[in-house]
Amino acid sequence: MLSAAQRQNLKFLNVQHYSMMILGVDIGATERKHLIKHPVTLVFFTSCMVTLQYGFINYAFHSITNIDSITSSLSMFNQGVLLLFKGAMLICKGSSMLKLIWNLNSLATAANSDENEKWVSENRRGELIAKAYLYACWISVACVALVPWLFVVYEYVRGLETHLELPFALKFPFDDGSWPSSLTVYILTMLHLRGLSNTSIGIDTLFGWYIFAISGHFRILRDKIAKTAVKIDVYGDHMHFQSDIKIFVRYHDKVAKYVDDLNDLYGAMSWAEIAMSTLQMCFLLYSLGNDPNPASIPFHFVASASIVLQLMIYCFGGEKLTSENDMLCNDIYMAMPWDKMYPSEIKAILILLVRAQRETILKGLFFNLNQSLLVFIFKTAFSFITLLGAIKE
């Protein structure tokens, strides 16, 4: 049993920890009851996000006939719904999330120096992707924060009446177009985006870390089987074969269980990610060429890049685990010196090979996460864009 005094190993989870702590959530905890460190902060950001959701859908409802102007609002509404859902799911499954982090790190502590190097190598790759996504989200938020003020300065220099106009439209009962109401909406929007971006960074890059952590364990398994083969092939050592295979089987069972745990944890969230992000990609790409507000273009471009990176984390993550399992099967078959092995050893390896051939698939309820799914998402998004163009005409 884990105690409250224990902390997670967050060496490669700094981005996730920082992002979630801003929202009042502490993934360094080891018990579910300590996951929400600052409940008031979490409620505050959640309230801001829900408030902006009302503004987006209210504007879309009152401007339903203007396809060009409502698509950017609908893209933000979709993202809000998606991240509120994912945040709620992660809080509800907080115990499973914390346990999986602990288990993956704990299994790595038993690795020797060579195996630890492989584990660290995979984690560093995950850390780089997390930082890339962090910067992409920061740039998106910076566009929303700065571009409206650039247009205000431009209007002021040209002697025009100044307006503080966001890259996406909202409608609130108190918004009469005056500067006080515009500033209120602007501040609410910044708080909303801070909540959205940190929720997305925390949850999506945590998924990426799980992928690379499990991949690190697959690489350790491949190293174990290679060393077992070398003992027989080079040194003629058959004495340790049985013990090596037992260690391999126990290790492989744990890794397979962690893949199942990841499916249980992120299955519904992955489904929501695919379904909602497809619509969001459609709205963002349509807005790039049709939004009447020029201040929106930089945001749409950067936001589209962020969504693509977000989808790649999920789709390529699923593909990576499948590939790692396939490489493990290949290594078992190719590494073994079959001509130098005893019949009993060959039989044990064949059984091991059959076990390893069990498919390793990440699922989003109705989808298998892989490269083909990413292609399907883009095809579907462009089909929706064509549909929107037809509706407009």
Foldseek 3Di string as FASTA:
>chain_A
DDDQPQWFDCVLPPQLQVLVVQLQAGLRGQDLVCGRRDVVSNVVLLVLLVVLLQFLVVVCVVPVLPLLANLLSVLSNLLSVLLVVLVVLCSVCVNLLSVLSRLLVVVLVPDDPVLVVLLVVLSVVLSVLLVVLLVLLVVLLVLQLPLQVVVQVVCVVVVHDGFRDGLHGTDDPPCPRDPVNSVVVSVSVSSNSSSSSSSLSNRLSSLLSLLSSLLSLLVSLLVLLLVLQCCCPPVVDPPCNVVSLVVSVVSVVSSLVSLVSSLVSCQQSLLSLLVSLLSSLLSLVLNCPRHPDPSNNVSSVSVNVSSLSSLCSFQVSQVSVQVSLVVSLVSLVPSHPVVRDDPVSVVSSVVVSVVSPPGRFRHNVPDTRYPVSSVVSVVSSVVVNVVSVVSSD
